[in-house]
Amino acid sequence: LNEIMSLQASFEQRIFSPENDLIDY
């Protein structure tokens, strides 16, 4: 992580309930 001076990327974020149900994307 220290060697990463810059980073470009696309991302996907998923939020799951305690039962592992998808609740937000």
PDBML (XML) file of the C-alpha atoms, coordinates in Angstrom:
<?xml version="1.0" encoding="UTF-8" ?>
<PDBx:datablock datablockName="MODEL"
   xmlns:PDBx="http://pdbml.pdb.org/schema/pdbx-v50.xsd"
   xmlns:xsi="http://www.w3.org/2001/XMLSchema-instance"
   xsi:schemaLocation="http://pdbml.pdb.org/schema/pdbx-v50.xsd pdbx-v50.xsd">
   <PDBx:atom_siteCategory>
      <PDBx:atom_site id="1">
         <PDBx:B_iso_or_equiv>0.00</PDBx:B_iso_or_equiv>
         <PDBx:Cartn_x>0.000</PDBx:Cartn_x>
         <PDBx:Cartn_y>0.000</PDBx:Cartn_y>
         <PDBx:Cartn_z>0.000</PDBx:Cartn_z>
         <PDBx:auth_asym_id>A</PDBx:auth_asym_id>
         <PDBx:auth_atom_id>CA</PDBx:auth_atom_id>
         <PDBx:auth_comp_id>LEU</PDBx:auth_comp_id>
         <PDBx:auth_seq_id>1</PDBx:auth_seq_id>
         <PDBx:group_PDB>ATOM</PDBx:group_PDB>
         <PDBx:label_alt_id xsi:nil="true" />
         <PDBx:label_asym_id>A</PDBx:label_asym_id>
         <PDBx:label_atom_id>CA</PDBx:label_atom_id>
         <PDBx:label_comp_id>LEU</PDBx:label_comp_id>
         <PDBx:label_entity_id>1</PDBx:label_entity_id>
         <PDBx:label_seq_id>1</PDBx:label_seq_id>
         <PDBx:occupancy>1.00</PDBx:occupancy>
         <PDBx:pdbx_PDB_model_num>1</PDBx:pdbx_PDB_model_num>
         <PDBx:type_symbol>C</PDBx:type_symbol>
      </PDBx:atom_site>
      <PDBx:atom_site id="2">
         <PDBx:B_iso_or_equiv>0.00</PDBx:B_iso_or_equiv>
         <PDBx:Cartn_x>2.889</PDBx:Cartn_x>
         <PDBx:Cartn_y>2.367</PDBx:Cartn_y>
         <PDBx:Cartn_z>0.675</PDBx:Cartn_z>
         <PDBx:auth_asym_id>A</PDBx:auth_asym_id>
         <PDBx:auth_atom_id>CA</PDBx:auth_atom_id>
         <PDBx:auth_comp_id>ASN</PDBx:auth_comp_id>
         <PDBx:auth_seq_id>2</PDBx:auth_seq_id>
         <PDBx:group_PDB>ATOM</PDBx:group_PDB>
         <PDBx:label_alt_id xsi:nil="true" />
         <PDBx:label_asym_id>A</PDBx:label_asym_id>
         <PDBx:label_atom_id>CA</PDBx:label_atom_id>
         <PDBx:label_comp_id>ASN</PDBx:label_comp_id>
         <PDBx:label_entity_id>1</PDBx:label_entity_id>
         <PDBx:label_seq_id>2</PDBx:label_seq_id>
         <PDBx:occupancy>1.00</PDBx:occupancy>
         <PDBx:pdbx_PDB_model_num>1</PDBx:pdbx_PDB_model_num>
         <PDBx:type_symbol>C</PDBx:type_symbol>
      </PDBx:atom_site>
      <PDBx:atom_site id="3">
         <PDBx:B_iso_or_equiv>0.00</PDBx:B_iso_or_equiv>
         <PDBx:Cartn_x>4.138</PDBx:Cartn_x>
         <PDBx:Cartn_y>1.842</PDBx:Cartn_y>
         <PDBx:Cartn_z>-2.879</PDBx:Cartn_z>
         <PDBx:auth_asym_id>A</PDBx:auth_asym_id>
         <PDBx:auth_atom_id>CA</PDBx:auth_atom_id>
         <PDBx:auth_comp_id>GLU</PDBx:auth_comp_id>
         <PDBx:auth_seq_id>3</PDBx:auth_seq_id>
         <PDBx:group_PDB>ATOM</PDBx:group_PDB>
         <PDBx:label_alt_id xsi:nil="true" />
         <PDBx:label_asym_id>A</PDBx:label_asym_id>
         <PDBx:label_atom_id>CA</PDBx:label_atom_id>
         <PDBx:label_comp_id>GLU</PDBx:label_comp_id>
         <PDBx:label_entity_id>1</PDBx:label_entity_id>
         <PDBx:label_seq_id>3</PDBx:label_seq_id>
         <PDBx:occupancy>1.00</PDBx:occupancy>
         <PDBx:pdbx_PDB_model_num>1</PDBx:pdbx_PDB_model_num>
         <PDBx:type_symbol>C</PDBx:type_symbol>
      </PDBx:atom_site>
      <PDBx:atom_site id="4">
         <PDBx:B_iso_or_equiv>0.00</PDBx:B_iso_or_equiv>
         <PDBx:Cartn_x>0.818</PDBx:Cartn_x>
         <PDBx:Cartn_y>2.980</PDBx:Cartn_y>
         <PDBx:Cartn_z>-4.374</PDBx:Cartn_z>
         <PDBx:auth_asym_id>A</PDBx:auth_asym_id>
         <PDBx:auth_atom_id>CA</PDBx:auth_atom_id>
         <PDBx:auth_comp_id>ILE</PDBx:auth_comp_id>
         <PDBx:auth_seq_id>4</PDBx:auth_seq_id>
         <PDBx:group_PDB>ATOM</PDBx:group_PDB>
         <PDBx:label_alt_id xsi:nil="true" />
         <PDBx:label_asym_id>A</PDBx:label_asym_id>
         <PDBx:label_atom_id>CA</PDBx:label_atom_id>
         <PDBx:label_comp_id>ILE</PDBx:label_comp_id>
         <PDBx:label_entity_id>1</PDBx:label_entity_id>
         <PDBx:label_seq_id>4</PDBx:label_seq_id>
         <PDBx:occupancy>1.00</PDBx:occupancy>
         <PDBx:pdbx_PDB_model_num>1</PDBx:pdbx_PDB_model_num>
         <PDBx:type_symbol>C</PDBx:type_symbol>
      </PDBx:atom_site>
      <PDBx:atom_site id="5">
         <PDBx:B_iso_or_equiv>0.00</PDBx:B_iso_or_equiv>
         <PDBx:Cartn_x>1.364</PDBx:Cartn_x>
         <PDBx:Cartn_y>6.660</PDBx:Cartn_y>
         <PDBx:Cartn_z>-5.168</PDBx:Cartn_z>
         <PDBx:auth_asym_id>A</PDBx:auth_asym_id>
         <PDBx:auth_atom_id>CA</PDBx:auth_atom_id>
         <PDBx:auth_comp_id>MET</PDBx:auth_comp_id>
         <PDBx:auth_seq_id>5</PDBx:auth_seq_id>
         <PDBx:group_PDB>ATOM</PDBx:group_PDB>
         <PDBx:label_alt_id xsi:nil="true" />
         <PDBx:label_asym_id>A</PDBx:label_asym_id>
         <PDBx:label_atom_id>CA</PDBx:label_atom_id>
         <PDBx:label_comp_id>MET</PDBx:label_comp_id>
         <PDBx:label_entity_id>1</PDBx:label_entity_id>
         <PDBx:label_seq_id>5</PDBx:label_seq_id>
         <PDBx:occupancy>1.00</PDBx:occupancy>
         <PDBx:pdbx_PDB_model_num>1</PDBx:pdbx_PDB_model_num>
         <PDBx:type_symbol>C</PDBx:type_symbol>
      </PDBx:atom_site>
      <PDBx:atom_site id="6">
         <PDBx:B_iso_or_equiv>0.00</PDBx:B_iso_or_equiv>
         <PDBx:Cartn_x>-1.669</PDBx:Cartn_x>
         <PDBx:Cartn_y>6.998</PDBx:Cartn_y>
         <PDBx:Cartn_z>-7.433</PDBx:Cartn_z>
         <PDBx:auth_asym_id>A</PDBx:auth_asym_id>
         <PDBx:auth_atom_id>CA</PDBx:auth_atom_id>
         <PDBx:auth_comp_id>SER</PDBx:auth_comp_id>
         <PDBx:auth_seq_id>6</PDBx:auth_seq_id>
         <PDBx:group_PDB>ATOM</PDBx:group_PDB>
         <PDBx:label_alt_id xsi:nil="true" />
         <PDBx:label_asym_id>A</PDBx:label_asym_id>
         <PDBx:label_atom_id>CA</PDBx:label_atom_id>
         <PDBx:label_comp_id>SER</PDBx:label_comp_id>
         <PDBx:label_entity_id>1</PDBx:label_entity_id>
         <PDBx:label_seq_id>6</PDBx:label_seq_id>
         <PDBx:occupancy>1.00</PDBx:occupancy>
         <PDBx:pdbx_PDB_model_num>1</PDBx:pdbx_PDB_model_num>
         <PDBx:type_symbol>C</PDBx:type_symbol>
      </PDBx:atom_site>
      <PDBx:atom_site id="7">
         <PDBx:B_iso_or_equiv>0.00</PDBx:B_iso_or_equiv>
         <PDBx:Cartn_x>-4.574</PDBx:Cartn_x>
         <PDBx:Cartn_y>4.781</PDBx:Cartn_y>
         <PDBx:Cartn_z>-8.408</PDBx:Cartn_z>
         <PDBx:auth_asym_id>A</PDBx:auth_asym_id>
         <PDBx:auth_atom_id>CA</PDBx:auth_atom_id>
         <PDBx:auth_comp_id>LEU</PDBx:auth_comp_id>
         <PDBx:auth_seq_id>7</PDBx:auth_seq_id>
         <PDBx:group_PDB>ATOM</PDBx:group_PDB>
         <PDBx:label_alt_id xsi:nil="true" />
         <PDBx:label_asym_id>A</PDBx:label_asym_id>
         <PDBx:label_atom_id>CA</PDBx:label_atom_id>
         <PDBx:label_comp_id>LEU</PDBx:label_comp_id>
         <PDBx:label_entity_id>1</PDBx:label_entity_id>
         <PDBx:label_seq_id>7</PDBx:label_seq_id>
         <PDBx:occupancy>1.00</PDBx:occupancy>
         <PDBx:pdbx_PDB_model_num>1</PDBx:pdbx_PDB_model_num>
         <PDBx:type_symbol>C</PDBx:type_symbol>
      </PDBx:atom_site>
      <PDBx:atom_site id="8">
         <PDBx:B_iso_or_equiv>0.00</PDBx:B_iso_or_equiv>
         <PDBx:Cartn_x>-7.331</PDBx:Cartn_x>
         <PDBx:Cartn_y>5.006</PDBx:Cartn_y>
         <PDBx:Cartn_z>-11.013</PDBx:Cartn_z>
         <PDBx:auth_asym_id>A</PDBx:auth_asym_id>
         <PDBx:auth_atom_id>CA</PDBx:auth_atom_id>
         <PDBx:auth_comp_id>GLN</PDBx:auth_comp_id>
         <PDBx:auth_seq_id>8</PDBx:auth_seq_id>
         <PDBx:group_PDB>ATOM</PDBx:group_PDB>
         <PDBx:label_alt_id xsi:nil="true" />
         <PDBx:label_asym_id>A</PDBx:label_asym_id>
         <PDBx:label_atom_id>CA</PDBx:label_atom_id>
         <PDBx:label_comp_id>GLN</PDBx:label_comp_id>
         <PDBx:label_entity_id>1</PDBx:label_entity_id>
         <PDBx:label_seq_id>8</PDBx:label_seq_id>
         <PDBx:occupancy>1.00</PDBx:occupancy>
         <PDBx:pdbx_PDB_model_num>1</PDBx:pdbx_PDB_model_num>
         <PDBx:type_symbol>C</PDBx:type_symbol>
      </PDBx:atom_site>
      <PDBx:atom_site id="9">
         <PDBx:B_iso_or_equiv>0.00</PDBx:B_iso_or_equiv>
         <PDBx:Cartn_x>-10.168</PDBx:Cartn_x>
         <PDBx:Cartn_y>2.488</PDBx:Cartn_y>
         <PDBx:Cartn_z>-11.158</PDBx:Cartn_z>
         <PDBx:auth_asym_id>A</PDBx:auth_asym_id>
         <PDBx:auth_atom_id>CA</PDBx:auth_atom_id>
         <PDBx:auth_comp_id>ALA</PDBx:auth_comp_id>
         <PDBx:auth_seq_id>9</PDBx:auth_seq_id>
         <PDBx:group_PDB>ATOM</PDBx:group_PDB>
         <PDBx:label_alt_id xsi:nil="true" />
         <PDBx:label_asym_id>A</PDBx:label_asym_id>
         <PDBx:label_atom_id>CA</PDBx:label_atom_id>
         <PDBx:label_comp_id>ALA</PDBx:label_comp_id>
         <PDBx:label_entity_id>1</PDBx:label_entity_id>
         <PDBx:label_seq_id>9</PDBx:label_seq_id>
         <PDBx:occupancy>1.00</PDBx:occupancy>
         <PDBx:pdbx_PDB_model_num>1</PDBx:pdbx_PDB_model_num>
         <PDBx:type_symbol>C</PDBx:type_symbol>
      </PDBx:atom_site>
      <PDBx:atom_site id="10">
         <PDBx:B_iso_or_equiv>0.00</PDBx:B_iso_or_equiv>
         <PDBx:Cartn_x>-13.852</PDBx:Cartn_x>
         <PDBx:Cartn_y>1.882</PDBx:Cartn_y>
         <PDBx:Cartn_z>-11.637</PDBx:Cartn_z>
         <PDBx:auth_asym_id>A</PDBx:auth_asym_id>
         <PDBx:auth_atom_id>CA</PDBx:auth_atom_id>
         <PDBx:auth_comp_id>SER</PDBx:auth_comp_id>
         <PDBx:auth_seq_id>10</PDBx:auth_seq_id>
         <PDBx:group_PDB>ATOM</PDBx:group_PDB>
         <PDBx:label_alt_id xsi:nil="true" />
         <PDBx:label_asym_id>A</PDBx:label_asym_id>
         <PDBx:label_atom_id>CA</PDBx:label_atom_id>
         <PDBx:label_comp_id>SER</PDBx:label_comp_id>
         <PDBx:label_entity_id>1</PDBx:label_entity_id>
         <PDBx:label_seq_id>10</PDBx:label_seq_id>
         <PDBx:occupancy>1.00</PDBx:occupancy>
         <PDBx:pdbx_PDB_model_num>1</PDBx:pdbx_PDB_model_num>
         <PDBx:type_symbol>C</PDBx:type_symbol>
      </PDBx:atom_site>
      <PDBx:atom_site id="11">
         <PDBx:B_iso_or_equiv>0.00</PDBx:B_iso_or_equiv>
         <PDBx:Cartn_x>-15.673</PDBx:Cartn_x>
         <PDBx:Cartn_y>0.562</PDBx:Cartn_y>
         <PDBx:Cartn_z>-8.586</PDBx:Cartn_z>
         <PDBx:auth_asym_id>A</PDBx:auth_asym_id>
         <PDBx:auth_atom_id>CA</PDBx:auth_atom_id>
         <PDBx:auth_comp_id>PHE</PDBx:auth_comp_id>
         <PDBx:auth_seq_id>11</PDBx:auth_seq_id>
         <PDBx:group_PDB>ATOM</PDBx:group_PDB>
         <PDBx:label_alt_id xsi:nil="true" />
         <PDBx:label_asym_id>A</PDBx:label_asym_id>
         <PDBx:label_atom_id>CA</PDBx:label_atom_id>
         <PDBx:label_comp_id>PHE</PDBx:label_comp_id>
         <PDBx:label_entity_id>1</PDBx:label_entity_id>
         <PDBx:label_seq_id>11</PDBx:label_seq_id>
         <PDBx:occupancy>1.00</PDBx:occupancy>
         <PDBx:pdbx_PDB_model_num>1</PDBx:pdbx_PDB_model_num>
         <PDBx:type_symbol>C</PDBx:type_symbol>
      </PDBx:atom_site>
      <PDBx:atom_site id="12">
         <PDBx:B_iso_or_equiv>0.00</PDBx:B_iso_or_equiv>
         <PDBx:Cartn_x>-18.818</PDBx:Cartn_x>
         <PDBx:Cartn_y>-1.236</PDBx:Cartn_y>
         <PDBx:Cartn_z>-7.515</PDBx:Cartn_z>
         <PDBx:auth_asym_id>A</PDBx:auth_asym_id>
         <PDBx:auth_atom_id>CA</PDBx:auth_atom_id>
         <PDBx:auth_comp_id>GLU</PDBx:auth_comp_id>
         <PDBx:auth_seq_id>12</PDBx:auth_seq_id>
         <PDBx:group_PDB>ATOM</PDBx:group_PDB>
         <PDBx:label_alt_id xsi:nil="true" />
         <PDBx:label_asym_id>A</PDBx:label_asym_id>
         <PDBx:label_atom_id>CA</PDBx:label_atom_id>
         <PDBx:label_comp_id>GLU</PDBx:label_comp_id>
         <PDBx:label_entity_id>1</PDBx:label_entity_id>
         <PDBx:label_seq_id>12</PDBx:label_seq_id>
         <PDBx:occupancy>1.00</PDBx:occupancy>
         <PDBx:pdbx_PDB_model_num>1</PDBx:pdbx_PDB_model_num>
         <PDBx:type_symbol>C</PDBx:type_symbol>
      </PDBx:atom_site>
      <PDBx:atom_site id="13">
         <PDBx:B_iso_or_equiv>0.00</PDBx:B_iso_or_equiv>
         <PDBx:Cartn_x>-20.124</PDBx:Cartn_x>
         <PDBx:Cartn_y>-0.965</PDBx:Cartn_y>
         <PDBx:Cartn_z>-3.966</PDBx:Cartn_z>
         <PDBx:auth_asym_id>A</PDBx:auth_asym_id>
         <PDBx:auth_atom_id>CA</PDBx:auth_atom_id>
         <PDBx:auth_comp_id>GLN</PDBx:auth_comp_id>
         <PDBx:auth_seq_id>13</PDBx:auth_seq_id>
         <PDBx:group_PDB>ATOM</PDBx:group_PDB>
         <PDBx:label_alt_id xsi:nil="true" />
         <PDBx:label_asym_id>A</PDBx:label_asym_id>
         <PDBx:label_atom_id>CA</PDBx:label_atom_id>
         <PDBx:label_comp_id>GLN</PDBx:label_comp_id>
         <PDBx:label_entity_id>1</PDBx:label_entity_id>
         <PDBx:label_seq_id>13</PDBx:label_seq_id>
         <PDBx:occupancy>1.00</PDBx:occupancy>
         <PDBx:pdbx_PDB_model_num>1</PDBx:pdbx_PDB_model_num>
         <PDBx:type_symbol>C</PDBx:type_symbol>
      </PDBx:atom_site>
      <PDBx:atom_site id="14">
         <PDBx:B_iso_or_equiv>0.00</PDBx:B_iso_or_equiv>
         <PDBx:Cartn_x>-22.597</PDBx:Cartn_x>
         <PDBx:Cartn_y>-3.414</PDBx:Cartn_y>
         <PDBx:Cartn_z>-2.458</PDBx:Cartn_z>
         <PDBx:auth_asym_id>A</PDBx:auth_asym_id>
         <PDBx:auth_atom_id>CA</PDBx:auth_atom_id>
         <PDBx:auth_comp_id>ARG</PDBx:auth_comp_id>
         <PDBx:auth_seq_id>14</PDBx:auth_seq_id>
         <PDBx:group_PDB>ATOM</PDBx:group_PDB>
         <PDBx:label_alt_id xsi:nil="true" />
         <PDBx:label_asym_id>A</PDBx:label_asym_id>
         <PDBx:label_atom_id>CA</PDBx:label_atom_id>
         <PDBx:label_comp_id>ARG</PDBx:label_comp_id>
         <PDBx:label_entity_id>1</PDBx:label_entity_id>
         <PDBx:label_seq_id>14</PDBx:label_seq_id>
         <PDBx:occupancy>1.00</PDBx:occupancy>
         <PDBx:pdbx_PDB_model_num>1</PDBx:pdbx_PDB_model_num>
         <PDBx:type_symbol>C</PDBx:type_symbol>
      </PDBx:atom_site>
      <PDBx:atom_site id="15">
         <PDBx:B_iso_or_equiv>0.00</PDBx:B_iso_or_equiv>
         <PDBx:Cartn_x>-24.100</PDBx:Cartn_x>
         <PDBx:Cartn_y>-3.245</PDBx:Cartn_y>
         <PDBx:Cartn_z>1.005</PDBx:Cartn_z>
         <PDBx:auth_asym_id>A</PDBx:auth_asym_id>
         <PDBx:auth_atom_id>CA</PDBx:auth_atom_id>
         <PDBx:auth_comp_id>ILE</PDBx:auth_comp_id>
         <PDBx:auth_seq_id>15</PDBx:auth_seq_id>
         <PDBx:group_PDB>ATOM</PDBx:group_PDB>
         <PDBx:label_alt_id xsi:nil="true" />
         <PDBx:label_asym_id>A</PDBx:label_asym_id>
         <PDBx:label_atom_id>CA</PDBx:label_atom_id>
         <PDBx:label_comp_id>ILE</PDBx:label_comp_id>
         <PDBx:label_entity_id>1</PDBx:label_entity_id>
         <PDBx:label_seq_id>15</PDBx:label_seq_id>
         <PDBx:occupancy>1.00</PDBx:occupancy>
         <PDBx:pdbx_PDB_model_num>1</PDBx:pdbx_PDB_model_num>
         <PDBx:type_symbol>C</PDBx:type_symbol>
      </PDBx:atom_site>
      <PDBx:atom_site id="16">
         <PDBx:B_iso_or_equiv>0.00</PDBx:B_iso_or_equiv>
         <PDBx:Cartn_x>-25.400</PDBx:Cartn_x>
         <PDBx:Cartn_y>-6.486</PDBx:Cartn_y>
         <PDBx:Cartn_z>2.519</PDBx:Cartn_z>
         <PDBx:auth_asym_id>A</PDBx:auth_asym_id>
         <PDBx:auth_atom_id>CA</PDBx:auth_atom_id>
         <PDBx:auth_comp_id>PHE</PDBx:auth_comp_id>
         <PDBx:auth_seq_id>16</PDBx:auth_seq_id>
         <PDBx:group_PDB>ATOM</PDBx:group_PDB>
         <PDBx:label_alt_id xsi:nil="true" />
         <PDBx:label_asym_id>A</PDBx:label_asym_id>
         <PDBx:label_atom_id>CA</PDBx:label_atom_id>
         <PDBx:label_comp_id>PHE</PDBx:label_comp_id>
         <PDBx:label_entity_id>1</PDBx:label_entity_id>
         <PDBx:label_seq_id>16</PDBx:label_seq_id>
         <PDBx:occupancy>1.00</PDBx:occupancy>
         <PDBx:pdbx_PDB_model_num>1</PDBx:pdbx_PDB_model_num>
         <PDBx:type_symbol>C</PDBx:type_symbol>
      </PDBx:atom_site>
      <PDBx:atom_site id="17">
         <PDBx:B_iso_or_equiv>0.00</PDBx:B_iso_or_equiv>
         <PDBx:Cartn_x>-27.669</PDBx:Cartn_x>
         <PDBx:Cartn_y>-7.152</PDBx:Cartn_y>
         <PDBx:Cartn_z>5.481</PDBx:Cartn_z>
         <PDBx:auth_asym_id>A</PDBx:auth_asym_id>
         <PDBx:auth_atom_id>CA</PDBx:auth_atom_id>
         <PDBx:auth_comp_id>SER</PDBx:auth_comp_id>
         <PDBx:auth_seq_id>17</PDBx:auth_seq_id>
         <PDBx:group_PDB>ATOM</PDBx:group_PDB>
         <PDBx:label_alt_id xsi:nil="true" />
         <PDBx:label_asym_id>A</PDBx:label_asym_id>
         <PDBx:label_atom_id>CA</PDBx:label_atom_id>
         <PDBx:label_comp_id>SER</PDBx:label_comp_id>
         <PDBx:label_entity_id>1</PDBx:label_entity_id>
         <PDBx:label_seq_id>17</PDBx:label_seq_id>
         <PDBx:occupancy>1.00</PDBx:occupancy>
         <PDBx:pdbx_PDB_model_num>1</PDBx:pdbx_PDB_model_num>
         <PDBx:type_symbol>C</PDBx:type_symbol>
      </PDBx:atom_site>
      <PDBx:atom_site id="18">
         <PDBx:B_iso_or_equiv>0.00</PDBx:B_iso_or_equiv>
         <PDBx:Cartn_x>-26.522</PDBx:Cartn_x>
         <PDBx:Cartn_y>-9.458</PDBx:Cartn_y>
         <PDBx:Cartn_z>8.312</PDBx:Cartn_z>
         <PDBx:auth_asym_id>A</PDBx:auth_asym_id>
         <PDBx:auth_atom_id>CA</PDBx:auth_atom_id>
         <PDBx:auth_comp_id>PRO</PDBx:auth_comp_id>
         <PDBx:auth_seq_id>18</PDBx:auth_seq_id>
         <PDBx:group_PDB>ATOM</PDBx:group_PDB>
         <PDBx:label_alt_id xsi:nil="true" />
         <PDBx:label_asym_id>A</PDBx:label_asym_id>
         <PDBx:label_atom_id>CA</PDBx:label_atom_id>
         <PDBx:label_comp_id>PRO</PDBx:label_comp_id>
         <PDBx:label_entity_id>1</PDBx:label_entity_id>
         <PDBx:label_seq_id>18</PDBx:label_seq_id>
         <PDBx:occupancy>1.00</PDBx:occupancy>
         <PDBx:pdbx_PDB_model_num>1</PDBx:pdbx_PDB_model_num>
         <PDBx:type_symbol>C</PDBx:type_symbol>
      </PDBx:atom_site>
      <PDBx:atom_site id="19">
         <PDBx:B_iso_or_equiv>0.00</PDBx:B_iso_or_equiv>
         <PDBx:Cartn_x>-28.439</PDBx:Cartn_x>
         <PDBx:Cartn_y>-12.192</PDBx:Cartn_y>
         <PDBx:Cartn_z>6.449</PDBx:Cartn_z>
         <PDBx:auth_asym_id>A</PDBx:auth_asym_id>
         <PDBx:auth_atom_id>CA</PDBx:auth_atom_id>
         <PDBx:auth_comp_id>GLU</PDBx:auth_comp_id>
         <PDBx:auth_seq_id>19</PDBx:auth_seq_id>
         <PDBx:group_PDB>ATOM</PDBx:group_PDB>
         <PDBx:label_alt_id xsi:nil="true" />
         <PDBx:label_asym_id>A</PDBx:label_asym_id>
         <PDBx:label_atom_id>CA</PDBx:label_atom_id>
         <PDBx:label_comp_id>GLU</PDBx:label_comp_id>
         <PDBx:label_entity_id>1</PDBx:label_entity_id>
         <PDBx:label_seq_id>19</PDBx:label_seq_id>
         <PDBx:occupancy>1.00</PDBx:occupancy>
         <PDBx:pdbx_PDB_model_num>1</PDBx:pdbx_PDB_model_num>
         <PDBx:type_symbol>C</PDBx:type_symbol>
      </PDBx:atom_site>
      <PDBx:atom_site id="20">
         <PDBx:B_iso_or_equiv>0.00</PDBx:B_iso_or_equiv>
         <PDBx:Cartn_x>-26.307</PDBx:Cartn_x>
         <PDBx:Cartn_y>-11.396</PDBx:Cartn_y>
         <PDBx:Cartn_z>3.353</PDBx:Cartn_z>
         <PDBx:auth_asym_id>A</PDBx:auth_asym_id>
         <PDBx:auth_atom_id>CA</PDBx:auth_atom_id>
         <PDBx:auth_comp_id>ASN</PDBx:auth_comp_id>
         <PDBx:auth_seq_id>20</PDBx:auth_seq_id>
         <PDBx:group_PDB>ATOM</PDBx:group_PDB>
         <PDBx:label_alt_id xsi:nil="true" />
         <PDBx:label_asym_id>A</PDBx:label_asym_id>
         <PDBx:label_atom_id>CA</PDBx:label_atom_id>
         <PDBx:label_comp_id>ASN</PDBx:label_comp_id>
         <PDBx:label_entity_id>1</PDBx:label_entity_id>
         <PDBx:label_seq_id>20</PDBx:label_seq_id>
         <PDBx:occupancy>1.00</PDBx:occupancy>
         <PDBx:pdbx_PDB_model_num>1</PDBx:pdbx_PDB_model_num>
         <PDBx:type_symbol>C</PDBx:type_symbol>
      </PDBx:atom_site>
      <PDBx:atom_site id="21">
         <PDBx:B_iso_or_equiv>0.00</PDBx:B_iso_or_equiv>
         <PDBx:Cartn_x>-29.223</PDBx:Cartn_x>
         <PDBx:Cartn_y>-9.900</PDBx:Cartn_y>
         <PDBx:Cartn_z>1.405</PDBx:Cartn_z>
         <PDBx:auth_asym_id>A</PDBx:auth_asym_id>
         <PDBx:auth_atom_id>CA</PDBx:auth_atom_id>
         <PDBx:auth_comp_id>ASP</PDBx:auth_comp_id>
         <PDBx:auth_seq_id>21</PDBx:auth_seq_id>
         <PDBx:group_PDB>ATOM</PDBx:group_PDB>
         <PDBx:label_alt_id xsi:nil="true" />
         <PDBx:label_asym_id>A</PDBx:label_asym_id>
         <PDBx:label_atom_id>CA</PDBx:label_atom_id>
         <PDBx:label_comp_id>ASP</PDBx:label_comp_id>
         <PDBx:label_entity_id>1</PDBx:label_entity_id>
         <PDBx:label_seq_id>21</PDBx:label_seq_id>
         <PDBx:occupancy>1.00</PDBx:occupancy>
         <PDBx:pdbx_PDB_model_num>1</PDBx:pdbx_PDB_model_num>
         <PDBx:type_symbol>C</PDBx:type_symbol>
      </PDBx:atom_site>
      <PDBx:atom_site id="22">
         <PDBx:B_iso_or_equiv>0.00</PDBx:B_iso_or_equiv>
         <PDBx:Cartn_x>-28.235</PDBx:Cartn_x>
         <PDBx:Cartn_y>-7.100</PDBx:Cartn_y>
         <PDBx:Cartn_z>-0.987</PDBx:Cartn_z>
         <PDBx:auth_asym_id>A</PDBx:auth_asym_id>
         <PDBx:auth_atom_id>CA</PDBx:auth_atom_id>
         <PDBx:auth_comp_id>LEU</PDBx:auth_comp_id>
         <PDBx:auth_seq_id>22</PDBx:auth_seq_id>
         <PDBx:group_PDB>ATOM</PDBx:group_PDB>
         <PDBx:label_alt_id xsi:nil="true" />
         <PDBx:label_asym_id>A</PDBx:label_asym_id>
         <PDBx:label_atom_id>CA</PDBx:label_atom_id>
         <PDBx:label_comp_id>LEU</PDBx:label_comp_id>
         <PDBx:label_entity_id>1</PDBx:label_entity_id>
         <PDBx:label_seq_id>22</PDBx:label_seq_id>
         <PDBx:occupancy>1.00</PDBx:occupancy>
         <PDBx:pdbx_PDB_model_num>1</PDBx:pdbx_PDB_model_num>
         <PDBx:type_symbol>C</PDBx:type_symbol>
      </PDBx:atom_site>
      <PDBx:atom_site id="23">
         <PDBx:B_iso_or_equiv>0.00</PDBx:B_iso_or_equiv>
         <PDBx:Cartn_x>-29.732</PDBx:Cartn_x>
         <PDBx:Cartn_y>-3.850</PDBx:Cartn_y>
         <PDBx:Cartn_z>0.310</PDBx:Cartn_z>
         <PDBx:auth_asym_id>A</PDBx:auth_asym_id>
         <PDBx:auth_atom_id>CA</PDBx:auth_atom_id>
         <PDBx:auth_comp_id>ILE</PDBx:auth_comp_id>
         <PDBx:auth_seq_id>23</PDBx:auth_seq_id>
         <PDBx:group_PDB>ATOM</PDBx:group_PDB>
         <PDBx:label_alt_id xsi:nil="true" />
         <PDBx:label_asym_id>A</PDBx:label_asym_id>
         <PDBx:label_atom_id>CA</PDBx:label_atom_id>
         <PDBx:label_comp_id>ILE</PDBx:label_comp_id>
         <PDBx:label_entity_id>1</PDBx:label_entity_id>
         <PDBx:label_seq_id>23</PDBx:label_seq_id>
         <PDBx:occupancy>1.00</PDBx:occupancy>
         <PDBx:pdbx_PDB_model_num>1</PDBx:pdbx_PDB_model_num>
         <PDBx:type_symbol>C</PDBx:type_symbol>
      </PDBx:atom_site>
      <PDBx:atom_site id="24">
         <PDBx:B_iso_or_equiv>0.00</PDBx:B_iso_or_equiv>
         <PDBx:Cartn_x>-27.878</PDBx:Cartn_x>
         <PDBx:Cartn_y>-1.198</PDBx:Cartn_y>
         <PDBx:Cartn_z>-1.726</PDBx:Cartn_z>
         <PDBx:auth_asym_id>A</PDBx:auth_asym_id>
         <PDBx:auth_atom_id>CA</PDBx:auth_atom_id>
         <PDBx:auth_comp_id>ASP</PDBx:auth_comp_id>
         <PDBx:auth_seq_id>24</PDBx:auth_seq_id>
         <PDBx:group_PDB>ATOM</PDBx:group_PDB>
         <PDBx:label_alt_id xsi:nil="true" />
         <PDBx:label_asym_id>A</PDBx:label_asym_id>
         <PDBx:label_atom_id>CA</PDBx:label_atom_id>
         <PDBx:label_comp_id>ASP</PDBx:label_comp_id>
         <PDBx:label_entity_id>1</PDBx:label_entity_id>
         <PDBx:label_seq_id>24</PDBx:label_seq_id>
         <PDBx:occupancy>1.00</PDBx:occupancy>
         <PDBx:pdbx_PDB_model_num>1</PDBx:pdbx_PDB_model_num>
         <PDBx:type_symbol>C</PDBx:type_symbol>
      </PDBx:atom_site>
      <PDBx:atom_site id="25">
         <PDBx:B_iso_or_equiv>0.00</PDBx:B_iso_or_equiv>
         <PDBx:Cartn_x>-25.752</PDBx:Cartn_x>
         <PDBx:Cartn_y>-0.979</PDBx:Cartn_y>
         <PDBx:Cartn_z>-4.872</PDBx:Cartn_z>
         <PDBx:auth_asym_id>A</PDBx:auth_asym_id>
         <PDBx:auth_atom_id>CA</PDBx:auth_atom_id>
         <PDBx:auth_comp_id>TYR</PDBx:auth_comp_id>
         <PDBx:auth_seq_id>25</PDBx:auth_seq_id>
         <PDBx:group_PDB>ATOM</PDBx:group_PDB>
         <PDBx:label_alt_id xsi:nil="true" />
         <PDBx:label_asym_id>A</PDBx:label_asym_id>
         <PDBx:label_atom_id>CA</PDBx:label_atom_id>
         <PDBx:label_comp_id>TYR</PDBx:label_comp_id>
         <PDBx:label_entity_id>1</PDBx:label_entity_id>
         <PDBx:label_seq_id>25</PDBx:label_seq_id>
         <PDBx:occupancy>1.00</PDBx:occupancy>
         <PDBx:pdbx_PDB_model_num>1</PDBx:pdbx_PDB_model_num>
         <PDBx:type_symbol>C</PDBx:type_symbol>
      </PDBx:atom_site>
   </PDBx:atom_siteCategory>
</PDBx:datablock>
